Amino acid sequence: LFTVQVDEDKVQAQRLPTDQPISVKKLFVGGTTSQFQMAPLRNIPPFEGCIWNLVINATPMDFAQPVSFENADIGRCPSLEPEVRPPEDEDKPIHTAVLIPPEPDINGEKERPGVTPASPPPATPSLSSALVSV
């Protein structure tokens, strides 16, 4: 069973086709890079807003240590006002992606990344399309 919960909203759950653990090599948060824009993912709009805390299997993920990021502001939550873009770029999509390392599992012991506590930002839009694993 795969579950996602945003803020205090109801938990969204999806039954997986097997009870086997999911092997995640890359985890994109907020969208994917154009390299991974496969047919089923092309029509999912990228996330717009702020992601403050991401917890996977009870382990906080550390956005201060991303593997890579593209079109993302790490460590701050900019205004949610629309970005002013030149007219020639208005119809071009913006792909935002943050790649964080999946949680290592060494002999059943999970390593927990360090996370600096901070004040949460204002309420954010829905995260239902923000997580994609490859």
N, C-alpha and C. Protein backbone atom coordinates (compact mmCIF):
# COMPACT_ATOMS: atom_id res chain seq x y z
N LEU A 1 0.86 -1.17 0.00
CA LEU A 1 0.00 0.00 0.00
C LEU A 1 0.90 1.23 0.00
N PHE A 2 0.62 2.16 -0.89
CA PHE A 2 1.38 3.40 -1.03
C PHE A 2 0.47 4.53 -0.55
N THR A 3 0.92 5.33 0.41
CA THR A 3 0.08 6.41 0.93
C THR A 3 0.80 7.75 0.84
N VAL A 4 0.01 8.81 0.69
CA VAL A 4 0.52 10.18 0.66
C VAL A 4 -0.42 11.02 1.51
N GLN A 5 0.14 11.87 2.36
CA GLN A 5 -0.67 12.79 3.14
C GLN A 5 -0.05 14.17 3.04
N VAL A 6 -0.88 15.16 2.74
CA VAL A 6 -0.43 16.54 2.63
C VAL A 6 -1.06 17.32 3.77
N ASP A 7 -0.20 17.99 4.55
CA ASP A 7 -0.65 18.77 5.70
C ASP A 7 -1.57 17.89 6.56
N GLU A 8 -2.74 18.39 6.89
CA GLU A 8 -3.67 17.64 7.73
C GLU A 8 -4.78 17.00 6.91
N ASP A 9 -4.62 16.99 5.58
CA ASP A 9 -5.65 16.41 4.71
C ASP A 9 -5.74 14.90 4.89
N LYS A 10 -6.80 14.34 4.36
CA LYS A 10 -7.02 12.90 4.41
C LYS A 10 -5.90 12.17 3.66
N VAL A 11 -5.49 11.04 4.21
CA VAL A 11 -4.45 10.22 3.58
C VAL A 11 -4.99 9.65 2.28
N GLN A 12 -4.22 9.79 1.22
CA GLN A 12 -4.55 9.20 -0.07
C GLN A 12 -3.77 7.89 -0.19
N ALA A 13 -4.46 6.79 -0.54
CA ALA A 13 -3.81 5.49 -0.59
C ALA A 13 -4.03 4.83 -1.95
N GLN A 14 -3.05 4.06 -2.37
CA GLN A 14 -3.13 3.30 -3.61
C GLN A 14 -2.56 1.92 -3.35
N ARG A 15 -3.33 0.89 -3.66
CA ARG A 15 -2.85 -0.47 -3.48
C ARG A 15 -1.88 -0.79 -4.61
N LEU A 16 -0.74 -1.33 -4.26
CA LEU A 16 0.27 -1.71 -5.24
C LEU A 16 -0.02 -3.14 -5.73
N PRO A 17 0.45 -3.48 -6.93
CA PRO A 17 0.13 -4.80 -7.48
C PRO A 17 0.82 -5.96 -6.76
N THR A 18 1.78 -5.69 -5.93
CA THR A 18 2.50 -6.75 -5.22
C THR A 18 2.86 -6.29 -3.82
N ASP A 19 3.11 -7.23 -2.92
CA ASP A 19 3.53 -6.89 -1.56
C ASP A 19 5.04 -6.73 -1.44
N GLN A 20 5.76 -6.90 -2.55
CA GLN A 20 7.21 -6.76 -2.53
C GLN A 20 7.60 -5.30 -2.30
N PRO A 21 8.71 -5.06 -1.60
CA PRO A 21 9.16 -3.67 -1.40
C PRO A 21 9.46 -3.00 -2.74
N ILE A 22 9.28 -1.70 -2.78
CA ILE A 22 9.58 -0.93 -3.99
C ILE A 22 11.06 -0.57 -3.95
N SER A 23 11.77 -0.85 -5.02
CA SER A 23 13.17 -0.47 -5.14
C SER A 23 13.23 0.87 -5.87
N VAL A 24 13.58 1.92 -5.14
CA VAL A 24 13.62 3.26 -5.72
C VAL A 24 15.07 3.67 -5.91
N LYS A 25 15.42 3.95 -7.17
CA LYS A 25 16.77 4.39 -7.46
C LYS A 25 16.87 5.91 -7.50
N LYS A 26 15.78 6.55 -7.97
CA LYS A 26 15.72 8.01 -8.02
C LYS A 26 14.34 8.43 -7.57
N LEU A 27 14.28 9.51 -6.81
CA LEU A 27 13.01 10.05 -6.36
C LEU A 27 12.96 11.52 -6.75
N PHE A 28 12.02 11.84 -7.63
CA PHE A 28 11.84 13.22 -8.05
C PHE A 28 10.73 13.83 -7.21
N VAL A 29 10.97 15.02 -6.69
CA VAL A 29 9.97 15.70 -5.86
C VAL A 29 9.56 16.97 -6.59
N GLY A 30 8.27 17.08 -6.90
CA GLY A 30 7.75 18.28 -7.55
C GLY A 30 7.60 18.16 -9.04
N GLY A 31 8.23 17.22 -9.66
CA GLY A 31 8.16 17.04 -11.11
C GLY A 31 9.35 16.21 -11.55
N THR A 32 9.49 16.05 -12.84
CA THR A 32 10.63 15.30 -13.36
C THR A 32 11.38 16.15 -14.36
N THR A 33 12.62 15.80 -14.61
CA THR A 33 13.37 16.48 -15.64
C THR A 33 12.83 16.04 -16.99
N SER A 34 13.10 16.80 -18.03
CA SER A 34 12.58 16.48 -19.36
C SER A 34 13.06 15.10 -19.82
N GLN A 35 14.20 14.64 -19.32
CA GLN A 35 14.73 13.32 -19.66
C GLN A 35 13.75 12.22 -19.25
N PHE A 36 12.97 12.43 -18.20
CA PHE A 36 12.05 11.42 -17.69
C PHE A 36 10.59 11.73 -18.01
N GLN A 37 10.35 12.56 -18.98
CA GLN A 37 8.98 12.90 -19.35
C GLN A 37 8.38 11.82 -20.24
N MET A 38 8.14 10.63 -19.66
CA MET A 38 7.55 9.53 -20.38
C MET A 38 6.06 9.80 -20.59
N ALA A 39 5.46 9.09 -21.54
CA ALA A 39 4.06 9.32 -21.92
C ALA A 39 3.11 9.44 -20.73
N PRO A 40 3.14 8.52 -19.73
CA PRO A 40 2.17 8.67 -18.64
C PRO A 40 2.41 9.91 -17.77
N LEU A 41 3.61 10.45 -17.79
CA LEU A 41 3.93 11.58 -16.92
C LEU A 41 3.82 12.93 -17.61
N ARG A 42 3.79 12.95 -18.95
CA ARG A 42 3.78 14.22 -19.67
C ARG A 42 2.59 15.11 -19.32
N ASN A 43 1.45 14.52 -19.04
CA ASN A 43 0.25 15.31 -18.81
C ASN A 43 0.03 15.69 -17.35
N ILE A 44 0.94 15.32 -16.47
CA ILE A 44 0.81 15.69 -15.06
C ILE A 44 1.50 17.05 -14.88
N PRO A 45 0.74 18.06 -14.47
CA PRO A 45 1.38 19.37 -14.31
C PRO A 45 2.39 19.34 -13.17
N PRO A 46 3.50 20.08 -13.31
CA PRO A 46 4.49 20.12 -12.23
C PRO A 46 3.92 20.82 -11.01
N PHE A 47 4.47 20.52 -9.87
CA PHE A 47 4.04 21.12 -8.61
C PHE A 47 4.46 22.58 -8.57
N GLU A 48 3.56 23.43 -8.12
CA GLU A 48 3.87 24.84 -7.89
C GLU A 48 3.56 25.14 -6.44
N GLY A 49 4.52 25.62 -5.72
CA GLY A 49 4.31 25.94 -4.31
C GLY A 49 5.55 25.61 -3.51
N CYS A 50 5.35 25.35 -2.24
CA CYS A 50 6.47 25.06 -1.35
C CYS A 50 6.26 23.69 -0.70
N ILE A 51 7.31 22.92 -0.67
CA ILE A 51 7.31 21.66 0.06
C ILE A 51 8.24 21.88 1.23
N TRP A 52 7.68 21.78 2.43
CA TRP A 52 8.47 22.11 3.61
C TRP A 52 9.12 20.88 4.22
N ASN A 53 8.33 19.89 4.56
CA ASN A 53 8.87 18.67 5.16
C ASN A 53 8.41 17.48 4.33
N LEU A 54 9.33 16.62 3.99
CA LEU A 54 9.00 15.38 3.29
C LEU A 54 9.50 14.24 4.15
N VAL A 55 8.60 13.34 4.52
CA VAL A 55 8.94 12.21 5.38
C VAL A 55 8.61 10.95 4.60
N ILE A 56 9.59 10.05 4.49
CA ILE A 56 9.39 8.78 3.80
C ILE A 56 9.73 7.67 4.78
N ASN A 57 8.77 6.77 5.01
CA ASN A 57 8.96 5.68 5.97
C ASN A 57 9.45 6.20 7.31
N ALA A 58 8.82 7.26 7.80
CA ALA A 58 9.12 7.88 9.09
C ALA A 58 10.50 8.53 9.14
N THR A 59 11.16 8.70 7.98
CA THR A 59 12.47 9.34 7.94
C THR A 59 12.38 10.69 7.23
N PRO A 60 12.72 11.80 7.90
CA PRO A 60 12.69 13.11 7.23
C PRO A 60 13.75 13.16 6.13
N MET A 61 13.37 13.67 4.97
CA MET A 61 14.32 13.85 3.87
C MET A 61 14.95 15.23 3.99
N ASP A 62 16.20 15.31 3.65
CA ASP A 62 16.96 16.55 3.83
C ASP A 62 17.10 17.26 2.48
N PHE A 63 16.28 18.29 2.25
CA PHE A 63 16.37 19.03 1.00
C PHE A 63 17.64 19.86 0.91
N ALA A 64 18.35 20.01 2.01
CA ALA A 64 19.61 20.75 1.98
C ALA A 64 20.70 19.92 1.30
N GLN A 65 20.45 18.63 1.11
CA GLN A 65 21.44 17.74 0.50
C GLN A 65 20.88 17.06 -0.75
N PRO A 66 20.30 17.80 -1.72
CA PRO A 66 19.75 17.13 -2.90
C PRO A 66 20.88 16.62 -3.79
N VAL A 67 20.60 15.56 -4.52
CA VAL A 67 21.57 15.07 -5.50
C VAL A 67 21.68 16.11 -6.61
N SER A 68 20.53 16.62 -7.05
CA SER A 68 20.51 17.68 -8.04
C SER A 68 19.17 18.39 -7.97
N PHE A 69 19.09 19.58 -8.56
CA PHE A 69 17.82 20.27 -8.66
C PHE A 69 17.82 21.16 -9.88
N GLU A 70 16.61 21.42 -10.37
CA GLU A 70 16.44 22.21 -11.58
C GLU A 70 15.21 23.08 -11.39
N ASN A 71 15.35 24.38 -11.60
CA ASN A 71 14.24 25.33 -11.45
C ASN A 71 13.58 25.24 -10.07
N ALA A 72 14.39 25.09 -9.05
CA ALA A 72 13.86 24.99 -7.68
C ALA A 72 14.68 25.89 -6.77
N ASP A 73 14.02 26.51 -5.81
CA ASP A 73 14.70 27.31 -4.80
C ASP A 73 14.82 26.44 -3.56
N ILE A 74 16.03 26.01 -3.23
CA ILE A 74 16.25 25.14 -2.09
C ILE A 74 16.53 26.01 -0.86
N GLY A 75 15.84 25.72 0.25
CA GLY A 75 16.10 26.41 1.50
C GLY A 75 15.31 27.68 1.69
N ARG A 76 14.44 28.00 0.75
CA ARG A 76 13.59 29.17 0.93
C ARG A 76 12.28 28.94 0.18
N CYS A 77 11.28 29.67 0.55
CA CYS A 77 9.96 29.53 -0.05
C CYS A 77 9.58 30.86 -0.68
N PRO A 78 9.88 31.05 -1.97
CA PRO A 78 9.59 32.33 -2.61
C PRO A 78 8.09 32.58 -2.69
N SER A 79 7.76 33.78 -3.01
CA SER A 79 6.35 34.16 -3.14
C SER A 79 5.67 33.24 -4.16
N LEU A 80 4.41 32.95 -3.94
CA LEU A 80 3.67 32.09 -4.86
C LEU A 80 3.05 32.89 -6.00
N GLU A 81 3.48 34.16 -6.14
CA GLU A 81 3.00 34.98 -7.26
C GLU A 81 3.53 34.38 -8.55
N PRO A 82 2.75 34.47 -9.64
CA PRO A 82 3.21 33.93 -10.92
C PRO A 82 4.50 34.61 -11.37
N GLU A 83 5.36 33.84 -11.96
CA GLU A 83 6.63 34.36 -12.47
C GLU A 83 6.35 35.13 -13.74
N VAL A 84 6.98 36.31 -13.88
CA VAL A 84 6.83 37.09 -15.09
C VAL A 84 7.85 36.55 -16.09
N ARG A 85 7.31 36.07 -17.22
CA ARG A 85 8.17 35.48 -18.24
C ARG A 85 8.04 36.28 -19.54
N PRO A 86 9.10 36.31 -20.34
CA PRO A 86 9.00 37.00 -21.62
C PRO A 86 7.90 36.36 -22.47
N PRO A 87 7.20 37.15 -23.30
CA PRO A 87 6.09 36.61 -24.10
C PRO A 87 6.48 35.40 -24.94
N GLU A 88 7.70 35.37 -25.46
CA GLU A 88 8.12 34.24 -26.30
C GLU A 88 8.28 32.94 -25.50
N ASP A 89 8.39 33.03 -24.17
CA ASP A 89 8.55 31.84 -23.32
C ASP A 89 7.26 31.43 -22.62
N GLU A 90 6.17 32.21 -22.75
CA GLU A 90 4.96 31.95 -21.99
C GLU A 90 4.35 30.58 -22.23
N ASP A 91 4.45 30.06 -23.44
CA ASP A 91 3.85 28.76 -23.76
C ASP A 91 4.79 27.59 -23.53
N LYS A 92 6.03 27.87 -23.19
CA LYS A 92 6.99 26.79 -22.95
C LYS A 92 6.84 26.28 -21.52
N PRO A 93 6.85 24.94 -21.35
CA PRO A 93 6.71 24.41 -19.98
C PRO A 93 7.97 24.67 -19.16
N ILE A 94 7.78 24.76 -17.86
CA ILE A 94 8.90 24.87 -16.93
C ILE A 94 8.95 23.55 -16.18
N HIS A 95 10.05 22.85 -16.27
CA HIS A 95 10.21 21.59 -15.55
C HIS A 95 11.01 21.85 -14.29
N THR A 96 10.41 21.59 -13.16
CA THR A 96 11.08 21.75 -11.87
C THR A 96 11.28 20.37 -11.28
N ALA A 97 12.49 20.08 -10.85
CA ALA A 97 12.76 18.77 -10.28
C ALA A 97 13.80 18.89 -9.19
N VAL A 98 13.62 18.12 -8.13
CA VAL A 98 14.60 17.99 -7.06
C VAL A 98 14.83 16.50 -6.89
N LEU A 99 16.05 16.07 -7.05
CA LEU A 99 16.38 14.66 -6.91
C LEU A 99 17.07 14.47 -5.57
N ILE A 100 16.46 13.68 -4.69
CA ILE A 100 17.06 13.41 -3.39
C ILE A 100 17.44 11.94 -3.34
N PRO A 101 18.50 11.60 -2.60
CA PRO A 101 18.89 10.19 -2.53
C PRO A 101 17.87 9.40 -1.74
N PRO A 102 17.50 8.20 -2.23
CA PRO A 102 16.59 7.37 -1.43
C PRO A 102 17.27 6.93 -0.14
N GLU A 103 16.46 6.54 0.80
CA GLU A 103 16.95 6.12 2.11
C GLU A 103 17.76 4.83 1.97
N PRO A 104 19.06 4.83 2.34
CA PRO A 104 19.83 3.59 2.25
C PRO A 104 19.38 2.58 3.30
N ASP A 105 19.43 1.34 2.94
CA ASP A 105 19.06 0.26 3.86
C ASP A 105 20.24 -0.70 3.92
N ILE A 106 20.99 -0.60 4.99
CA ILE A 106 22.18 -1.43 5.14
C ILE A 106 21.92 -2.46 6.22
N ASN A 107 21.79 -3.72 5.81
CA ASN A 107 21.52 -4.81 6.75
C ASN A 107 20.31 -4.52 7.63
N GLY A 108 19.27 -3.94 7.02
CA GLY A 108 18.05 -3.68 7.78
C GLY A 108 18.10 -2.44 8.65
N GLU A 109 19.24 -1.75 8.70
CA GLU A 109 19.34 -0.54 9.52
C GLU A 109 19.21 0.66 8.61
N LYS A 110 18.31 1.55 8.93
CA LYS A 110 18.05 2.71 8.09
C LYS A 110 18.84 3.91 8.60
N GLU A 111 19.54 4.54 7.68
CA GLU A 111 20.30 5.73 8.02
C GLU A 111 19.38 6.93 7.92
N ARG A 112 19.39 7.77 8.91
CA ARG A 112 18.50 8.93 8.93
C ARG A 112 19.29 10.19 8.62
N PRO A 113 18.89 10.91 7.55
CA PRO A 113 19.59 12.15 7.24
C PRO A 113 19.28 13.22 8.29
N GLY A 114 20.23 14.15 8.46
CA GLY A 114 20.02 15.24 9.42
C GLY A 114 19.10 16.29 8.84
N VAL A 115 18.18 16.79 9.63
CA VAL A 115 17.27 17.83 9.18
C VAL A 115 17.28 18.93 10.21
N THR A 116 17.47 20.16 9.74
CA THR A 116 17.46 21.30 10.64
C THR A 116 16.02 21.75 10.84
N PRO A 117 15.53 21.80 12.08
CA PRO A 117 14.16 22.25 12.31
C PRO A 117 13.99 23.70 11.90
N ALA A 118 12.82 24.02 11.41
CA ALA A 118 12.54 25.39 10.99
C ALA A 118 11.06 25.66 11.14
N SER A 119 10.69 26.93 11.02
CA SER A 119 9.27 27.27 11.09
C SER A 119 8.62 26.91 9.77
N PRO A 120 7.41 26.35 9.82
CA PRO A 120 6.75 25.99 8.57
C PRO A 120 6.27 27.23 7.82
N PRO A 121 6.21 27.13 6.46
CA PRO A 121 5.72 28.26 5.67
C PRO A 121 4.21 28.29 5.68
N PRO A 122 3.61 29.27 5.00
CA PRO A 122 2.15 29.31 4.92
C PRO A 122 1.63 28.07 4.19
N ALA A 123 0.32 27.83 4.27
CA ALA A 123 -0.30 26.67 3.64
C ALA A 123 0.09 26.59 2.18
N THR A 124 0.23 25.36 1.67
CA THR A 124 0.68 25.15 0.31
C THR A 124 -0.39 24.44 -0.49
N PRO A 125 -0.27 24.50 -1.85
CA PRO A 125 -1.22 23.79 -2.68
C PRO A 125 -1.05 22.28 -2.55
N SER A 126 -1.95 21.53 -3.13
CA SER A 126 -1.95 20.07 -3.04
C SER A 126 -0.66 19.47 -3.59
N LEU A 127 -0.22 18.38 -2.99
CA LEU A 127 1.00 17.69 -3.37
C LEU A 127 0.70 16.40 -4.11
N SER A 128 -0.53 16.16 -4.51
CA SER A 128 -0.91 14.86 -5.06
C SER A 128 -0.10 14.48 -6.29
N SER A 129 0.39 15.44 -7.08
CA SER A 129 1.18 15.09 -8.25
C SER A 129 2.65 15.41 -8.05
N ALA A 130 3.08 15.64 -6.82
CA ALA A 130 4.43 16.12 -6.59
C ALA A 130 5.48 15.03 -6.49
N LEU A 131 5.11 13.80 -6.23
CA LEU A 131 6.10 12.75 -6.06
C LEU A 131 6.05 11.77 -7.22
N VAL A 132 7.20 11.51 -7.82
CA VAL A 132 7.30 10.52 -8.89
C VAL A 132 8.56 9.72 -8.64
N SER A 133 8.48 8.41 -8.64
CA SER A 133 9.68 7.59 -8.48
C SER A 133 9.96 6.86 -9.76
N VAL A 134 11.26 6.65 -10.04
CA VAL A 134 11.68 5.95 -11.25
C VAL A 134 12.53 4.78 -10.83
